[in-house]
Amino acid sequence: MALQPTSGSLRSGLVWAKPAQQPTKFGSTDRLTLTGMEDMVLTKGYPLEKHTTLTADGYLLTNFRIPSGRTSAALPGHGAARQPVLLIHGLSLSSTCWVMNAPNVSLAFILADA
């Protein structure tokens, strides 16, 4: 069964749900929901910073930063020698495309753990 987009926007996070009243394989009609970047990163044990910028032409841009990996956050000076990496998603995507999969196969998490 294909997932169908429901109400939501890129600013508030992606919301995908199975069509209403269709039982899942476990027999319930609960919605399958993927929330925003915050939930996808923080629930996997990574720190996250959120920065919102107002552009000269009036657009609000939200940027996210994963400053360290799960285990490197406690190491003093670990982030000092690291270079920043800018990941830019495609035209019809959002920042969640870099963190949707498991940490061992999502580029943002692989780079944060490096």
N, C-alpha and C. Protein backbone atom coordinates (compact mmCIF):
# COMPACT_ATOMS: atom_id res chain seq x y z
N MET A 1 0.84 -1.17 0.00
CA MET A 1 0.00 0.00 0.00
C MET A 1 0.89 1.23 0.00
N ALA A 2 0.65 2.15 -0.88
CA ALA A 2 1.46 3.36 -0.98
C ALA A 2 1.07 4.35 0.10
N LEU A 3 2.05 5.09 0.60
CA LEU A 3 1.78 6.13 1.57
C LEU A 3 1.28 7.36 0.84
N GLN A 4 0.36 8.07 1.46
CA GLN A 4 -0.24 9.26 0.86
C GLN A 4 0.14 10.48 1.70
N PRO A 5 0.52 11.61 1.07
CA PRO A 5 0.81 12.80 1.86
C PRO A 5 -0.48 13.36 2.46
N THR A 6 -0.37 13.87 3.68
CA THR A 6 -1.50 14.52 4.33
C THR A 6 -1.10 15.95 4.64
N SER A 7 -1.93 16.64 5.41
CA SER A 7 -1.64 18.04 5.70
C SER A 7 -0.30 18.16 6.40
N GLY A 8 0.37 19.23 6.13
CA GLY A 8 1.69 19.49 6.69
C GLY A 8 2.50 20.25 5.67
N SER A 9 3.60 20.79 6.07
CA SER A 9 4.44 21.51 5.13
C SER A 9 5.88 21.22 5.47
N LEU A 10 6.78 21.67 4.63
CA LEU A 10 8.19 21.46 4.90
C LEU A 10 8.64 22.20 6.15
N ARG A 11 7.98 23.32 6.45
CA ARG A 11 8.35 24.05 7.67
C ARG A 11 7.95 23.29 8.92
N SER A 12 6.80 22.65 8.90
CA SER A 12 6.33 21.97 10.11
C SER A 12 6.74 20.51 10.14
N GLY A 13 7.38 20.02 9.11
CA GLY A 13 7.79 18.63 9.06
C GLY A 13 6.96 17.86 8.06
N LEU A 14 7.46 16.74 7.66
CA LEU A 14 6.73 15.91 6.72
C LEU A 14 5.76 15.02 7.46
N VAL A 15 4.58 14.87 6.91
CA VAL A 15 3.59 13.99 7.51
C VAL A 15 3.09 13.06 6.42
N TRP A 16 3.36 11.79 6.54
CA TRP A 16 2.88 10.79 5.59
C TRP A 16 1.99 9.84 6.35
N ALA A 17 0.90 9.48 5.76
CA ALA A 17 -0.03 8.60 6.45
C ALA A 17 -0.61 7.59 5.48
N LYS A 18 -0.95 6.43 6.02
CA LYS A 18 -1.67 5.45 5.22
C LYS A 18 -3.09 5.97 5.04
N PRO A 19 -3.74 5.63 3.94
CA PRO A 19 -5.12 6.10 3.74
C PRO A 19 -6.00 5.76 4.94
N ALA A 20 -6.90 6.67 5.27
CA ALA A 20 -7.76 6.50 6.44
C ALA A 20 -8.56 5.21 6.38
N GLN A 21 -8.79 4.63 7.54
CA GLN A 21 -9.63 3.45 7.72
C GLN A 21 -9.07 2.19 7.05
N GLN A 22 -7.80 2.18 6.70
CA GLN A 22 -7.19 0.96 6.17
C GLN A 22 -6.41 0.29 7.29
N PRO A 23 -6.73 -0.95 7.62
CA PRO A 23 -6.00 -1.61 8.71
C PRO A 23 -4.54 -1.84 8.33
N THR A 24 -3.66 -1.68 9.31
CA THR A 24 -2.25 -1.98 9.10
C THR A 24 -2.06 -3.48 9.24
N LYS A 25 -0.84 -3.95 9.05
CA LYS A 25 -0.61 -5.39 9.18
C LYS A 25 -0.80 -5.88 10.61
N PHE A 26 -0.85 -4.94 11.56
CA PHE A 26 -1.08 -5.31 12.95
C PHE A 26 -2.55 -5.19 13.34
N GLY A 27 -3.42 -4.85 12.37
CA GLY A 27 -4.84 -4.82 12.61
C GLY A 27 -5.39 -3.51 13.13
N SER A 28 -4.57 -2.46 13.24
CA SER A 28 -5.10 -1.19 13.71
C SER A 28 -5.21 -0.22 12.54
N THR A 29 -5.88 0.90 12.78
CA THR A 29 -5.99 1.93 11.74
C THR A 29 -5.15 3.15 12.10
N ASP A 30 -4.17 2.97 13.00
CA ASP A 30 -3.30 4.08 13.38
C ASP A 30 -2.52 4.58 12.17
N ARG A 31 -2.27 5.88 12.17
CA ARG A 31 -1.53 6.48 11.07
C ARG A 31 -0.03 6.23 11.24
N LEU A 32 0.64 5.99 10.13
CA LEU A 32 2.08 5.92 10.11
C LEU A 32 2.58 7.33 9.89
N THR A 33 3.33 7.89 10.84
CA THR A 33 3.71 9.28 10.77
C THR A 33 5.21 9.44 10.87
N LEU A 34 5.78 10.20 9.97
CA LEU A 34 7.16 10.65 10.06
C LEU A 34 7.09 12.13 10.35
N THR A 35 7.62 12.54 11.48
CA THR A 35 7.51 13.94 11.86
C THR A 35 8.71 14.71 11.33
N GLY A 36 8.99 15.84 11.89
CA GLY A 36 10.03 16.71 11.38
C GLY A 36 11.45 16.28 11.72
N MET A 37 12.36 17.09 11.30
CA MET A 37 13.78 16.84 11.46
C MET A 37 14.15 16.63 12.92
N GLU A 38 13.57 17.43 13.82
CA GLU A 38 13.90 17.32 15.23
C GLU A 38 13.65 15.92 15.76
N ASP A 39 12.47 15.39 15.49
CA ASP A 39 12.13 14.06 15.99
C ASP A 39 13.00 12.98 15.36
N MET A 40 13.30 13.12 14.08
CA MET A 40 14.08 12.10 13.38
C MET A 40 15.52 12.05 13.86
N VAL A 41 16.06 13.17 14.29
CA VAL A 41 17.46 13.21 14.74
C VAL A 41 17.56 12.93 16.23
N LEU A 42 16.78 13.63 17.04
CA LEU A 42 16.89 13.50 18.49
C LEU A 42 16.53 12.10 18.97
N THR A 43 15.57 11.45 18.35
CA THR A 43 15.19 10.10 18.79
C THR A 43 16.27 9.07 18.48
N LYS A 44 17.22 9.40 17.61
CA LYS A 44 18.32 8.49 17.30
C LYS A 44 19.55 8.80 18.14
N GLY A 45 19.43 9.74 19.08
CA GLY A 45 20.51 10.01 20.02
C GLY A 45 21.53 11.04 19.58
N TYR A 46 21.23 11.82 18.56
CA TYR A 46 22.16 12.84 18.08
C TYR A 46 21.72 14.22 18.55
N PRO A 47 22.69 15.12 18.82
CA PRO A 47 22.31 16.50 19.14
C PRO A 47 21.91 17.23 17.87
N LEU A 48 21.10 18.27 18.01
CA LEU A 48 20.63 19.01 16.83
C LEU A 48 20.50 20.48 17.18
N GLU A 49 20.96 21.33 16.28
CA GLU A 49 20.76 22.76 16.39
C GLU A 49 19.86 23.21 15.25
N LYS A 50 18.98 24.16 15.54
CA LYS A 50 18.07 24.68 14.53
C LYS A 50 18.28 26.18 14.42
N HIS A 51 18.56 26.66 13.20
CA HIS A 51 18.81 28.07 12.97
C HIS A 51 17.85 28.57 11.88
N THR A 52 17.15 29.67 12.15
CA THR A 52 16.24 30.26 11.17
C THR A 52 16.80 31.60 10.73
N THR A 53 16.84 31.81 9.43
CA THR A 53 17.41 33.03 8.85
C THR A 53 16.36 33.71 7.98
N LEU A 54 16.26 35.02 8.11
CA LEU A 54 15.38 35.82 7.25
C LEU A 54 16.24 36.39 6.13
N THR A 55 15.92 36.05 4.88
CA THR A 55 16.70 36.53 3.75
C THR A 55 16.31 37.97 3.42
N ALA A 56 17.13 38.63 2.60
CA ALA A 56 16.87 40.02 2.21
C ALA A 56 15.54 40.17 1.47
N ASP A 57 15.11 39.11 0.77
CA ASP A 57 13.84 39.19 0.03
C ASP A 57 12.66 38.63 0.82
N GLY A 58 12.83 38.42 2.13
CA GLY A 58 11.71 38.08 3.00
C GLY A 58 11.42 36.61 3.21
N TYR A 59 12.25 35.72 2.72
CA TYR A 59 12.03 34.28 2.93
C TYR A 59 12.65 33.84 4.25
N LEU A 60 11.99 32.91 4.91
CA LEU A 60 12.54 32.30 6.12
C LEU A 60 13.18 30.97 5.74
N LEU A 61 14.45 30.82 6.06
CA LEU A 61 15.17 29.58 5.79
C LEU A 61 15.50 28.93 7.13
N THR A 62 15.22 27.65 7.24
CA THR A 62 15.57 26.92 8.45
C THR A 62 16.72 25.98 8.13
N ASN A 63 17.79 26.11 8.89
CA ASN A 63 18.97 25.28 8.72
C ASN A 63 19.16 24.44 9.97
N PHE A 64 19.58 23.20 9.78
CA PHE A 64 19.82 22.31 10.90
C PHE A 64 21.29 21.95 10.93
N ARG A 65 21.81 21.74 12.14
CA ARG A 65 23.21 21.34 12.31
C ARG A 65 23.27 20.21 13.32
N ILE A 66 23.96 19.15 12.96
CA ILE A 66 24.25 18.06 13.88
C ILE A 66 25.71 18.28 14.29
N PRO A 67 25.95 18.88 15.47
CA PRO A 67 27.30 19.30 15.82
C PRO A 67 28.28 18.17 16.14
N SER A 68 27.76 17.00 16.49
CA SER A 68 28.65 15.88 16.81
C SER A 68 27.88 14.58 16.68
N GLY A 69 28.60 13.50 16.75
CA GLY A 69 27.98 12.19 16.71
C GLY A 69 27.41 11.82 18.07
N ARG A 70 26.86 10.63 18.16
CA ARG A 70 26.27 10.17 19.42
C ARG A 70 27.32 10.03 20.51
N THR A 71 28.47 9.49 20.18
CA THR A 71 29.48 9.24 21.20
C THR A 71 30.51 10.34 21.30
N SER A 72 30.70 11.12 20.23
CA SER A 72 31.75 12.14 20.25
C SER A 72 31.33 13.42 20.97
N ALA A 73 30.07 13.57 21.32
CA ALA A 73 29.62 14.79 21.99
C ALA A 73 30.30 14.98 23.34
N ALA A 74 30.64 13.88 24.01
CA ALA A 74 31.23 13.96 25.34
C ALA A 74 32.75 14.14 25.30
N LEU A 75 33.36 13.99 24.14
CA LEU A 75 34.81 14.10 24.04
C LEU A 75 35.22 15.57 23.96
N PRO A 76 36.05 16.05 24.90
CA PRO A 76 36.45 17.46 24.86
C PRO A 76 37.29 17.76 23.62
N GLY A 77 36.96 18.85 22.95
CA GLY A 77 37.71 19.29 21.79
C GLY A 77 37.53 18.47 20.53
N HIS A 78 36.63 17.51 20.54
CA HIS A 78 36.47 16.64 19.38
C HIS A 78 36.01 17.41 18.16
N GLY A 79 35.11 18.37 18.34
CA GLY A 79 34.59 19.11 17.20
C GLY A 79 35.50 20.23 16.72
N ALA A 80 36.53 20.57 17.48
CA ALA A 80 37.38 21.70 17.13
C ALA A 80 38.12 21.51 15.82
N ALA A 81 38.60 20.30 15.55
CA ALA A 81 39.40 20.06 14.35
C ALA A 81 38.55 19.64 13.15
N ARG A 82 37.29 19.49 13.34
CA ARG A 82 36.42 18.99 12.27
C ARG A 82 35.99 20.12 11.35
N GLN A 83 35.90 19.81 10.07
CA GLN A 83 35.46 20.77 9.08
C GLN A 83 33.94 20.65 8.90
N PRO A 84 33.25 21.77 8.65
CA PRO A 84 31.80 21.68 8.40
C PRO A 84 31.53 21.05 7.03
N VAL A 85 30.38 20.42 6.92
CA VAL A 85 29.92 19.84 5.66
C VAL A 85 28.52 20.38 5.40
N LEU A 86 28.29 20.91 4.22
CA LEU A 86 26.99 21.45 3.86
C LEU A 86 26.27 20.45 2.96
N LEU A 87 25.14 19.94 3.42
CA LEU A 87 24.32 19.02 2.63
C LEU A 87 23.11 19.79 2.13
N ILE A 88 22.90 19.79 0.84
CA ILE A 88 21.79 20.53 0.24
C ILE A 88 20.86 19.53 -0.44
N HIS A 89 19.60 19.54 -0.04
CA HIS A 89 18.63 18.61 -0.62
C HIS A 89 18.15 19.10 -1.97
N GLY A 90 17.49 18.21 -2.69
CA GLY A 90 16.94 18.54 -4.01
C GLY A 90 15.75 19.47 -3.93
N LEU A 91 15.28 19.90 -5.07
CA LEU A 91 14.23 20.92 -5.18
C LEU A 91 12.94 20.54 -4.44
N SER A 92 12.48 19.32 -4.58
CA SER A 92 11.21 18.95 -3.97
C SER A 92 11.38 18.13 -2.70
N LEU A 93 12.54 18.18 -2.09
CA LEU A 93 12.83 17.40 -0.88
C LEU A 93 12.96 18.32 0.32
N SER A 94 13.28 17.74 1.47
CA SER A 94 13.52 18.52 2.67
C SER A 94 14.75 17.96 3.38
N SER A 95 15.14 18.61 4.45
CA SER A 95 16.34 18.18 5.19
C SER A 95 16.21 16.77 5.74
N THR A 96 15.00 16.28 5.88
CA THR A 96 14.82 14.94 6.42
C THR A 96 15.35 13.84 5.50
N CYS A 97 15.59 14.18 4.22
CA CYS A 97 16.10 13.15 3.31
C CYS A 97 17.49 12.67 3.72
N TRP A 98 18.22 13.45 4.53
CA TRP A 98 19.56 13.05 4.97
C TRP A 98 19.54 12.21 6.24
N VAL A 99 18.39 12.08 6.90
CA VAL A 99 18.33 11.36 8.19
C VAL A 99 17.21 10.33 8.26
N MET A 100 16.56 10.02 7.15
CA MET A 100 15.41 9.11 7.17
C MET A 100 15.77 7.66 7.48
N ASN A 101 16.93 7.23 7.06
CA ASN A 101 17.32 5.84 7.25
C ASN A 101 18.04 5.65 8.58
N ALA A 102 18.49 4.46 8.81
CA ALA A 102 19.23 4.14 10.03
C ALA A 102 20.53 4.94 10.07
N PRO A 103 21.06 5.20 11.26
CA PRO A 103 22.29 5.99 11.36
C PRO A 103 23.48 5.44 10.58
N ASN A 104 23.55 4.15 10.39
CA ASN A 104 24.71 3.59 9.68
C ASN A 104 24.61 3.74 8.17
N VAL A 105 23.47 4.20 7.64
CA VAL A 105 23.32 4.40 6.19
C VAL A 105 22.82 5.80 5.82
N SER A 106 22.62 6.69 6.78
CA SER A 106 22.20 8.07 6.51
C SER A 106 23.44 8.96 6.49
N LEU A 107 23.63 9.68 5.40
CA LEU A 107 24.85 10.46 5.22
C LEU A 107 25.08 11.46 6.36
N ALA A 108 24.05 12.15 6.82
CA ALA A 108 24.24 13.14 7.88
C ALA A 108 24.76 12.49 9.17
N PHE A 109 24.26 11.31 9.50
CA PHE A 109 24.72 10.62 10.70
C PHE A 109 26.12 10.05 10.51
N ILE A 110 26.40 9.54 9.33
CA ILE A 110 27.75 9.01 9.06
C ILE A 110 28.78 10.12 9.21
N LEU A 111 28.48 11.30 8.67
CA LEU A 111 29.41 12.42 8.78
C LEU A 111 29.52 12.90 10.22
N ALA A 112 28.42 12.93 10.96
CA ALA A 112 28.47 13.37 12.37
C ALA A 112 29.30 12.41 13.21
N ASP A 113 29.27 11.13 12.90
CA ASP A 113 30.02 10.14 13.66
C ASP A 113 31.49 10.04 13.23
N ALA A 114 31.84 10.64 12.10
CA ALA A 114 33.22 10.52 11.57
C ALA A 114 34.23 11.23 12.46
